[in-house]
Amino acid sequence: MSDKEVILTQDGLKRLEEELENLKSVKRREVAERIKVAIGYGDISENSEYEDAKNEQAFIEGRILTLEKMLRNARIISNDDIDTDIVSVGVTVVVEDLEFGDKMEYVIVGTAESDPLQNKISNESPVGKAILGKAKGAVVDVAVPAGTIQYKIIDIKK
């Protein structure tokens, strides 16, 4: 991950800080204990428990570095910064698919917080890019692999 600015909501910041704290205080100790136990089994050259623990340790340390860099480069969007006149990071937006009439509600977040299963879409996703900066009532075209979808912005809220 480069030194690119990471846009986070207050909730996103809290979740990343909690994950970092858990990795540093709990997971590091757990994996260190697993390594210690695996070494106790003898020859580590053919010890799968040792290899698994070392791989997990490498993953944890990599994730810690990633989270620390994200937090260093974070720009926090507070609720006070959110304007519901236009779509921006931190708002909840209701859109209607003009072809099928389906309505969907999305929370616009930075890429670090995106979770489509929770209806949290990135400001850099195709839908996020298309609706960012638009006002209620605007109709936008979203390019998707199957063609173009037209959405109408029905509501913008905090």
N, C-alpha and C. Protein backbone atom coordinates (compact mmCIF):
# COMPACT_ATOMS: atom_id res chain seq x y z
N MET A 1 0.85 -1.18 0.00
CA MET A 1 0.00 0.00 0.00
C MET A 1 0.88 1.23 0.00
N SER A 2 0.59 2.16 -0.89
CA SER A 2 1.38 3.38 -0.99
C SER A 2 0.97 4.37 0.10
N ASP A 3 1.51 5.55 0.03
CA ASP A 3 1.18 6.58 1.01
C ASP A 3 -0.06 7.36 0.59
N LYS A 4 -0.95 6.71 -0.12
CA LYS A 4 -2.19 7.29 -0.59
C LYS A 4 -3.09 7.63 0.61
N GLU A 5 -3.77 8.75 0.51
CA GLU A 5 -4.70 9.14 1.56
C GLU A 5 -5.80 8.08 1.70
N VAL A 6 -6.11 7.75 2.95
CA VAL A 6 -7.14 6.77 3.25
C VAL A 6 -8.30 7.52 3.91
N ILE A 7 -9.46 7.49 3.26
CA ILE A 7 -10.63 8.19 3.78
C ILE A 7 -11.38 7.24 4.69
N LEU A 8 -11.63 7.69 5.93
CA LEU A 8 -12.32 6.87 6.91
C LEU A 8 -13.43 7.66 7.59
N THR A 9 -14.51 6.96 7.91
CA THR A 9 -15.54 7.55 8.76
C THR A 9 -15.10 7.33 10.21
N GLN A 10 -15.79 7.94 11.15
CA GLN A 10 -15.47 7.73 12.57
C GLN A 10 -15.56 6.25 12.93
N ASP A 11 -16.61 5.56 12.44
CA ASP A 11 -16.78 4.13 12.72
C ASP A 11 -15.64 3.32 12.13
N GLY A 12 -15.26 3.66 10.90
CA GLY A 12 -14.16 2.95 10.25
C GLY A 12 -12.85 3.12 10.99
N LEU A 13 -12.59 4.33 11.47
CA LEU A 13 -11.39 4.60 12.24
C LEU A 13 -11.38 3.74 13.51
N LYS A 14 -12.51 3.72 14.19
CA LYS A 14 -12.61 2.94 15.42
C LYS A 14 -12.36 1.45 15.16
N ARG A 15 -12.96 0.92 14.09
CA ARG A 15 -12.77 -0.51 13.77
C ARG A 15 -11.32 -0.84 13.45
N LEU A 16 -10.66 0.02 12.68
CA LEU A 16 -9.25 -0.23 12.34
C LEU A 16 -8.37 -0.14 13.58
N GLU A 17 -8.64 0.83 14.45
CA GLU A 17 -7.85 0.95 15.68
C GLU A 17 -8.06 -0.27 16.58
N GLU A 18 -9.29 -0.77 16.66
CA GLU A 18 -9.57 -1.96 17.47
C GLU A 18 -8.89 -3.19 16.89
N GLU A 19 -8.92 -3.33 15.55
CA GLU A 19 -8.25 -4.47 14.92
C GLU A 19 -6.75 -4.41 15.18
N LEU A 20 -6.15 -3.23 15.05
CA LEU A 20 -4.71 -3.07 15.28
C LEU A 20 -4.37 -3.42 16.72
N GLU A 21 -5.13 -2.93 17.66
CA GLU A 21 -4.88 -3.22 19.07
C GLU A 21 -4.99 -4.72 19.35
N ASN A 22 -6.00 -5.38 18.77
CA ASN A 22 -6.18 -6.82 18.95
C ASN A 22 -5.00 -7.61 18.37
N LEU A 23 -4.55 -7.20 17.20
CA LEU A 23 -3.41 -7.89 16.59
C LEU A 23 -2.15 -7.75 17.43
N LYS A 24 -1.92 -6.53 17.94
CA LYS A 24 -0.71 -6.28 18.71
C LYS A 24 -0.75 -6.92 20.10
N SER A 25 -1.90 -6.86 20.76
CA SER A 25 -1.94 -7.31 22.16
C SER A 25 -2.38 -8.76 22.33
N VAL A 26 -3.21 -9.29 21.43
CA VAL A 26 -3.74 -10.64 21.61
C VAL A 26 -3.12 -11.62 20.60
N LYS A 27 -3.27 -11.32 19.33
CA LYS A 27 -2.84 -12.26 18.29
C LYS A 27 -1.33 -12.51 18.29
N ARG A 28 -0.55 -11.45 18.51
CA ARG A 28 0.91 -11.63 18.57
C ARG A 28 1.29 -12.63 19.66
N ARG A 29 0.68 -12.48 20.83
CA ARG A 29 0.98 -13.39 21.95
C ARG A 29 0.55 -14.82 21.63
N GLU A 30 -0.64 -14.94 21.05
CA GLU A 30 -1.15 -16.27 20.73
C GLU A 30 -0.23 -17.00 19.75
N VAL A 31 0.20 -16.31 18.70
CA VAL A 31 1.05 -16.95 17.70
C VAL A 31 2.45 -17.22 18.27
N ALA A 32 2.93 -16.35 19.14
CA ALA A 32 4.23 -16.59 19.78
C ALA A 32 4.17 -17.85 20.64
N GLU A 33 3.07 -18.04 21.32
CA GLU A 33 2.88 -19.25 22.14
C GLU A 33 2.80 -20.49 21.26
N ARG A 34 2.11 -20.38 20.12
CA ARG A 34 2.04 -21.51 19.18
C ARG A 34 3.41 -21.88 18.66
N ILE A 35 4.23 -20.88 18.37
CA ILE A 35 5.59 -21.14 17.88
C ILE A 35 6.41 -21.83 18.96
N LYS A 36 6.28 -21.33 20.18
CA LYS A 36 7.01 -21.92 21.31
C LYS A 36 6.62 -23.39 21.51
N VAL A 37 5.34 -23.68 21.46
CA VAL A 37 4.87 -25.07 21.62
C VAL A 37 5.37 -25.93 20.46
N ALA A 38 5.30 -25.40 19.25
CA ALA A 38 5.74 -26.17 18.07
C ALA A 38 7.23 -26.47 18.12
N ILE A 39 8.02 -25.54 18.62
CA ILE A 39 9.47 -25.78 18.76
C ILE A 39 9.71 -26.90 19.75
N GLY A 40 8.83 -26.98 20.75
CA GLY A 40 8.95 -28.05 21.75
C GLY A 40 8.74 -29.44 21.17
N TYR A 41 8.15 -29.54 20.00
CA TYR A 41 7.93 -30.84 19.36
C TYR A 41 9.20 -31.40 18.75
N GLY A 42 10.24 -30.61 18.69
CA GLY A 42 11.50 -31.13 18.15
C GLY A 42 11.84 -30.51 16.81
N ASP A 43 12.40 -31.31 15.94
CA ASP A 43 12.91 -30.90 14.63
C ASP A 43 11.93 -29.98 13.89
N ILE A 44 12.32 -28.70 13.76
CA ILE A 44 11.41 -27.74 13.13
C ILE A 44 11.43 -27.81 11.61
N SER A 45 12.40 -28.51 11.03
CA SER A 45 12.47 -28.57 9.57
C SER A 45 11.31 -29.36 8.97
N GLU A 46 10.72 -30.27 9.73
CA GLU A 46 9.58 -31.05 9.24
C GLU A 46 8.39 -30.91 10.19
N ASN A 47 8.21 -29.73 10.73
CA ASN A 47 7.20 -29.50 11.74
C ASN A 47 6.11 -28.59 11.15
N SER A 48 4.97 -29.17 10.76
CA SER A 48 3.92 -28.39 10.11
C SER A 48 3.30 -27.37 11.07
N GLU A 49 3.21 -27.70 12.37
CA GLU A 49 2.66 -26.74 13.33
C GLU A 49 3.53 -25.49 13.39
N TYR A 50 4.85 -25.70 13.35
CA TYR A 50 5.79 -24.59 13.37
C TYR A 50 5.63 -23.74 12.11
N GLU A 51 5.55 -24.39 10.96
CA GLU A 51 5.39 -23.67 9.69
C GLU A 51 4.09 -22.87 9.67
N ASP A 52 3.01 -23.48 10.12
CA ASP A 52 1.72 -22.79 10.16
C ASP A 52 1.79 -21.57 11.07
N ALA A 53 2.39 -21.72 12.22
CA ALA A 53 2.50 -20.62 13.18
C ALA A 53 3.37 -19.50 12.61
N LYS A 54 4.46 -19.85 11.96
CA LYS A 54 5.34 -18.84 11.37
C LYS A 54 4.63 -18.09 10.24
N ASN A 55 3.84 -18.82 9.45
CA ASN A 55 3.08 -18.17 8.37
C ASN A 55 2.04 -17.22 8.95
N GLU A 56 1.36 -17.64 10.01
CA GLU A 56 0.39 -16.78 10.66
C GLU A 56 1.07 -15.55 11.24
N GLN A 57 2.24 -15.75 11.83
CA GLN A 57 3.00 -14.62 12.38
C GLN A 57 3.34 -13.61 11.28
N ALA A 58 3.76 -14.10 10.13
CA ALA A 58 4.10 -13.20 9.02
C ALA A 58 2.85 -12.44 8.56
N PHE A 59 1.72 -13.12 8.50
CA PHE A 59 0.47 -12.46 8.09
C PHE A 59 0.11 -11.37 9.09
N ILE A 60 0.17 -11.69 10.38
CA ILE A 60 -0.18 -10.72 11.42
C ILE A 60 0.73 -9.49 11.36
N GLU A 61 2.03 -9.72 11.23
CA GLU A 61 2.96 -8.59 11.17
C GLU A 61 2.72 -7.74 9.93
N GLY A 62 2.39 -8.38 8.80
CA GLY A 62 2.08 -7.64 7.58
C GLY A 62 0.81 -6.81 7.74
N ARG A 63 -0.19 -7.39 8.38
CA ARG A 63 -1.45 -6.67 8.60
C ARG A 63 -1.24 -5.50 9.55
N ILE A 64 -0.42 -5.68 10.57
CA ILE A 64 -0.11 -4.59 11.50
C ILE A 64 0.54 -3.43 10.75
N LEU A 65 1.51 -3.73 9.89
CA LEU A 65 2.16 -2.67 9.12
C LEU A 65 1.17 -1.96 8.20
N THR A 66 0.29 -2.72 7.56
CA THR A 66 -0.72 -2.14 6.68
C THR A 66 -1.66 -1.22 7.45
N LEU A 67 -2.14 -1.68 8.60
CA LEU A 67 -3.06 -0.87 9.40
C LEU A 67 -2.38 0.40 9.91
N GLU A 68 -1.14 0.27 10.36
CA GLU A 68 -0.42 1.45 10.85
C GLU A 68 -0.25 2.49 9.74
N LYS A 69 0.07 2.02 8.54
CA LYS A 69 0.23 2.95 7.41
C LYS A 69 -1.11 3.59 7.05
N MET A 70 -2.19 2.80 7.06
CA MET A 70 -3.52 3.34 6.77
C MET A 70 -3.89 4.42 7.77
N LEU A 71 -3.65 4.15 9.04
CA LEU A 71 -4.00 5.11 10.09
C LEU A 71 -3.14 6.37 10.01
N ARG A 72 -1.88 6.21 9.62
CA ARG A 72 -1.00 7.37 9.45
C ARG A 72 -1.48 8.28 8.33
N ASN A 73 -2.04 7.68 7.29
CA ASN A 73 -2.46 8.43 6.11
C ASN A 73 -3.97 8.70 6.08
N ALA A 74 -4.61 8.55 7.22
CA ALA A 74 -6.07 8.66 7.29
C ALA A 74 -6.54 10.10 7.28
N ARG A 75 -7.63 10.31 6.55
CA ARG A 75 -8.38 11.56 6.63
C ARG A 75 -9.76 11.17 7.15
N ILE A 76 -10.09 11.67 8.31
CA ILE A 76 -11.31 11.28 9.00
C ILE A 76 -12.46 12.19 8.59
N ILE A 77 -13.57 11.57 8.18
CA ILE A 77 -14.78 12.30 7.84
C ILE A 77 -15.68 12.22 9.07
N SER A 78 -15.89 13.36 9.71
CA SER A 78 -16.76 13.37 10.89
C SER A 78 -18.19 13.68 10.46
N ASN A 79 -19.13 13.37 11.32
CA ASN A 79 -20.54 13.65 11.01
C ASN A 79 -20.78 15.14 10.78
N ASP A 80 -19.96 15.98 11.41
CA ASP A 80 -20.11 17.42 11.23
C ASP A 80 -19.72 17.86 9.82
N ASP A 81 -18.84 17.07 9.16
CA ASP A 81 -18.37 17.40 7.82
C ASP A 81 -19.36 16.97 6.74
N ILE A 82 -20.33 16.16 7.11
CA ILE A 82 -21.23 15.57 6.13
C ILE A 82 -22.33 16.56 5.74
N ASP A 83 -22.45 16.77 4.44
CA ASP A 83 -23.48 17.65 3.87
C ASP A 83 -24.44 16.76 3.10
N THR A 84 -25.72 16.82 3.42
CA THR A 84 -26.69 15.95 2.76
C THR A 84 -27.30 16.59 1.51
N ASP A 85 -26.74 17.71 1.06
CA ASP A 85 -27.20 18.32 -0.19
C ASP A 85 -26.66 17.56 -1.40
N ILE A 86 -25.46 16.99 -1.25
CA ILE A 86 -24.85 16.21 -2.33
C ILE A 86 -24.30 14.91 -1.76
N VAL A 87 -24.08 13.94 -2.64
CA VAL A 87 -23.51 12.65 -2.22
C VAL A 87 -22.03 12.84 -1.95
N SER A 88 -21.60 12.43 -0.75
CA SER A 88 -20.19 12.49 -0.36
C SER A 88 -19.88 11.31 0.55
N VAL A 89 -18.62 11.14 0.87
CA VAL A 89 -18.23 10.06 1.76
C VAL A 89 -18.87 10.29 3.13
N GLY A 90 -19.48 9.24 3.65
CA GLY A 90 -20.12 9.31 4.96
C GLY A 90 -21.63 9.38 4.90
N VAL A 91 -22.21 9.66 3.73
CA VAL A 91 -23.66 9.75 3.64
C VAL A 91 -24.27 8.39 3.31
N THR A 92 -25.54 8.28 3.61
CA THR A 92 -26.33 7.13 3.16
C THR A 92 -27.17 7.65 2.01
N VAL A 93 -27.16 6.94 0.92
CA VAL A 93 -27.88 7.38 -0.27
C VAL A 93 -28.83 6.28 -0.74
N VAL A 94 -30.03 6.68 -1.11
CA VAL A 94 -31.01 5.76 -1.67
C VAL A 94 -31.08 6.03 -3.16
N VAL A 95 -30.87 4.99 -3.96
CA VAL A 95 -30.93 5.12 -5.41
C VAL A 95 -31.98 4.16 -5.96
N GLU A 96 -32.52 4.53 -7.11
CA GLU A 96 -33.51 3.68 -7.78
C GLU A 96 -32.97 3.29 -9.15
N ASP A 97 -33.00 2.00 -9.44
CA ASP A 97 -32.64 1.50 -10.77
C ASP A 97 -33.81 1.86 -11.69
N LEU A 98 -33.55 2.73 -12.66
CA LEU A 98 -34.64 3.23 -13.51
C LEU A 98 -35.20 2.17 -14.46
N GLU A 99 -34.45 1.13 -14.74
CA GLU A 99 -34.95 0.08 -15.63
C GLU A 99 -35.91 -0.86 -14.90
N PHE A 100 -35.54 -1.27 -13.69
CA PHE A 100 -36.33 -2.27 -12.97
C PHE A 100 -37.13 -1.70 -11.80
N GLY A 101 -36.85 -0.47 -11.40
CA GLY A 101 -37.58 0.15 -10.30
C GLY A 101 -37.10 -0.28 -8.92
N ASP A 102 -36.02 -1.06 -8.85
CA ASP A 102 -35.48 -1.50 -7.56
C ASP A 102 -34.84 -0.32 -6.84
N LYS A 103 -35.07 -0.24 -5.54
CA LYS A 103 -34.42 0.80 -4.72
C LYS A 103 -33.37 0.14 -3.85
N MET A 104 -32.22 0.79 -3.76
CA MET A 104 -31.12 0.29 -2.94
C MET A 104 -30.60 1.42 -2.07
N GLU A 105 -30.14 1.06 -0.89
CA GLU A 105 -29.58 2.04 0.03
C GLU A 105 -28.11 1.69 0.26
N TYR A 106 -27.24 2.65 0.06
CA TYR A 106 -25.81 2.46 0.23
C TYR A 106 -25.24 3.51 1.17
N VAL A 107 -24.23 3.11 1.91
CA VAL A 107 -23.42 4.07 2.67
C VAL A 107 -22.15 4.25 1.85
N ILE A 108 -21.80 5.49 1.57
CA ILE A 108 -20.59 5.78 0.80
C ILE A 108 -19.42 5.91 1.78
N VAL A 109 -18.41 5.07 1.58
CA VAL A 109 -17.24 5.04 2.47
C VAL A 109 -15.98 5.04 1.62
N GLY A 110 -14.84 5.19 2.29
CA GLY A 110 -13.56 5.06 1.61
C GLY A 110 -13.29 3.59 1.31
N THR A 111 -12.29 3.32 0.48
CA THR A 111 -12.02 1.95 0.06
C THR A 111 -11.67 1.03 1.24
N ALA A 112 -11.05 1.57 2.27
CA ALA A 112 -10.65 0.74 3.42
C ALA A 112 -11.84 0.20 4.18
N GLU A 113 -12.98 0.84 4.08
CA GLU A 113 -14.17 0.43 4.82
C GLU A 113 -15.21 -0.28 3.97
N SER A 114 -15.01 -0.33 2.66
CA SER A 114 -16.06 -0.87 1.80
C SER A 114 -16.39 -2.31 2.16
N ASP A 115 -17.66 -2.61 2.14
CA ASP A 115 -18.17 -3.95 2.43
C ASP A 115 -19.52 -4.09 1.73
N PRO A 116 -19.49 -4.52 0.48
CA PRO A 116 -20.74 -4.60 -0.29
C PRO A 116 -21.82 -5.44 0.37
N LEU A 117 -21.45 -6.44 1.13
CA LEU A 117 -22.45 -7.27 1.81
C LEU A 117 -23.20 -6.48 2.88
N GLN A 118 -22.59 -5.41 3.37
CA GLN A 118 -23.22 -4.53 4.36
C GLN A 118 -23.76 -3.26 3.70
N ASN A 119 -23.78 -3.24 2.36
CA ASN A 119 -24.21 -2.08 1.57
C ASN A 119 -23.33 -0.86 1.81
N LYS A 120 -22.06 -1.10 2.11
CA LYS A 120 -21.08 -0.01 2.24
C LYS A 120 -20.22 -0.06 0.98
N ILE A 121 -20.40 0.95 0.13
CA ILE A 121 -19.66 0.95 -1.13
C ILE A 121 -18.62 2.06 -1.13
N SER A 122 -17.53 1.78 -1.81
CA SER A 122 -16.42 2.70 -1.87
C SER A 122 -16.73 3.89 -2.77
N ASN A 123 -16.16 5.01 -2.41
CA ASN A 123 -16.26 6.20 -3.24
C ASN A 123 -15.53 6.00 -4.57
N GLU A 124 -14.72 4.94 -4.68
CA GLU A 124 -13.99 4.64 -5.91
C GLU A 124 -14.63 3.53 -6.72
N SER A 125 -15.73 2.94 -6.21
CA SER A 125 -16.45 1.90 -6.95
C SER A 125 -17.19 2.55 -8.12
N PRO A 126 -17.62 1.77 -9.11
CA PRO A 126 -18.35 2.37 -10.23
C PRO A 126 -19.58 3.16 -9.79
N VAL A 127 -20.39 2.61 -8.89
CA VAL A 127 -21.58 3.33 -8.42
C VAL A 127 -21.15 4.53 -7.60
N GLY A 128 -20.19 4.34 -6.70
CA GLY A 128 -19.71 5.44 -5.86
C GLY A 128 -19.20 6.61 -6.68
N LYS A 129 -18.37 6.31 -7.70
CA LYS A 129 -17.84 7.37 -8.57
C LYS A 129 -18.96 8.10 -9.29
N ALA A 130 -19.95 7.34 -9.77
CA ALA A 130 -21.02 7.93 -10.57
C ALA A 130 -21.90 8.88 -9.76
N ILE A 131 -22.15 8.55 -8.49
CA ILE A 131 -23.08 9.37 -7.71
C ILE A 131 -22.40 10.42 -6.84
N LEU A 132 -21.10 10.30 -6.64
CA LEU A 132 -20.36 11.26 -5.81
C LEU A 132 -20.52 12.68 -6.37
N GLY A 133 -20.89 13.61 -5.49
CA GLY A 133 -21.02 15.00 -5.88
C GLY A 133 -22.37 15.35 -6.51
N LYS A 134 -23.25 14.36 -6.66
CA LYS A 134 -24.56 14.59 -7.27
C LYS A 134 -25.60 14.90 -6.20
N ALA A 135 -26.65 15.60 -6.60
CA ALA A 135 -27.71 16.00 -5.68
C ALA A 135 -28.91 15.06 -5.80
N LYS A 136 -29.79 15.16 -4.82
CA LYS A 136 -31.03 14.40 -4.82
C LYS A 136 -31.80 14.72 -6.12
N GLY A 137 -32.33 13.67 -6.76
CA GLY A 137 -33.06 13.82 -8.00
C GLY A 137 -32.22 13.63 -9.25
N ALA A 138 -30.89 13.64 -9.10
CA ALA A 138 -30.01 13.47 -10.26
C ALA A 138 -30.12 12.05 -10.81
N VAL A 139 -29.99 11.93 -12.12
CA VAL A 139 -29.95 10.63 -12.79
C VAL A 139 -28.52 10.44 -13.29
N VAL A 140 -27.94 9.28 -12.95
CA VAL A 140 -26.55 9.01 -13.33
C VAL A 140 -26.46 7.70 -14.10
N ASP A 141 -25.48 7.63 -14.98
CA ASP A 141 -25.19 6.40 -15.71
C ASP A 141 -24.01 5.72 -15.04
N VAL A 142 -24.17 4.41 -14.78
CA VAL A 142 -23.10 3.64 -14.16
C VAL A 142 -22.67 2.57 -15.15
N ALA A 143 -21.40 2.62 -15.56
CA ALA A 143 -20.87 1.61 -16.48
C ALA A 143 -20.59 0.32 -15.71
N VAL A 144 -21.17 -0.77 -16.18
CA VAL A 144 -20.95 -2.09 -15.59
C VAL A 144 -20.58 -3.04 -16.72
N PRO A 145 -20.01 -4.20 -16.40
CA PRO A 145 -19.61 -5.13 -17.47
C PRO A 145 -20.74 -5.45 -18.47
N ALA A 146 -21.97 -5.49 -18.01
CA ALA A 146 -23.09 -5.84 -18.89
C ALA A 146 -23.62 -4.65 -19.67
N GLY A 147 -23.09 -3.47 -19.46
CA GLY A 147 -23.57 -2.28 -20.16
C GLY A 147 -23.63 -1.07 -19.25
N THR A 148 -24.74 -0.37 -19.28
CA THR A 148 -24.92 0.83 -18.46
C THR A 148 -26.22 0.73 -17.68
N ILE A 149 -26.15 1.10 -16.41
CA ILE A 149 -27.33 1.13 -15.56
C ILE A 149 -27.59 2.59 -15.21
N GLN A 150 -28.85 2.98 -15.25
CA GLN A 150 -29.21 4.33 -14.84
C GLN A 150 -29.82 4.30 -13.45
N TYR A 151 -29.28 5.13 -12.58
CA TYR A 151 -29.80 5.26 -11.22
C TYR A 151 -30.30 6.68 -11.02
N LYS A 152 -31.37 6.80 -10.27
CA LYS A 152 -31.85 8.11 -9.84
C LYS A 152 -31.60 8.21 -8.34
N ILE A 153 -31.04 9.32 -7.89
CA ILE A 153 -30.78 9.52 -6.47
C ILE A 153 -32.09 9.97 -5.83
N ILE A 154 -32.62 9.13 -4.95
CA ILE A 154 -33.91 9.38 -4.31
C ILE A 154 -33.75 10.16 -3.02
N ASP A 155 -32.72 9.83 -2.22
CA ASP A 155 -32.54 10.49 -0.92
C ASP A 155 -31.07 10.45 -0.52
N ILE A 156 -30.67 11.45 0.23
CA ILE A 156 -29.32 11.54 0.80
C ILE A 156 -29.49 11.87 2.27
N LYS A 157 -28.90 11.07 3.15
CA LYS A 157 -29.06 11.32 4.59
C LYS A 157 -27.77 10.96 5.33
N LYS A 158 -27.69 11.45 6.56
CA LYS A 158 -26.52 11.16 7.41
C LYS A 158 -26.64 9.78 7.98
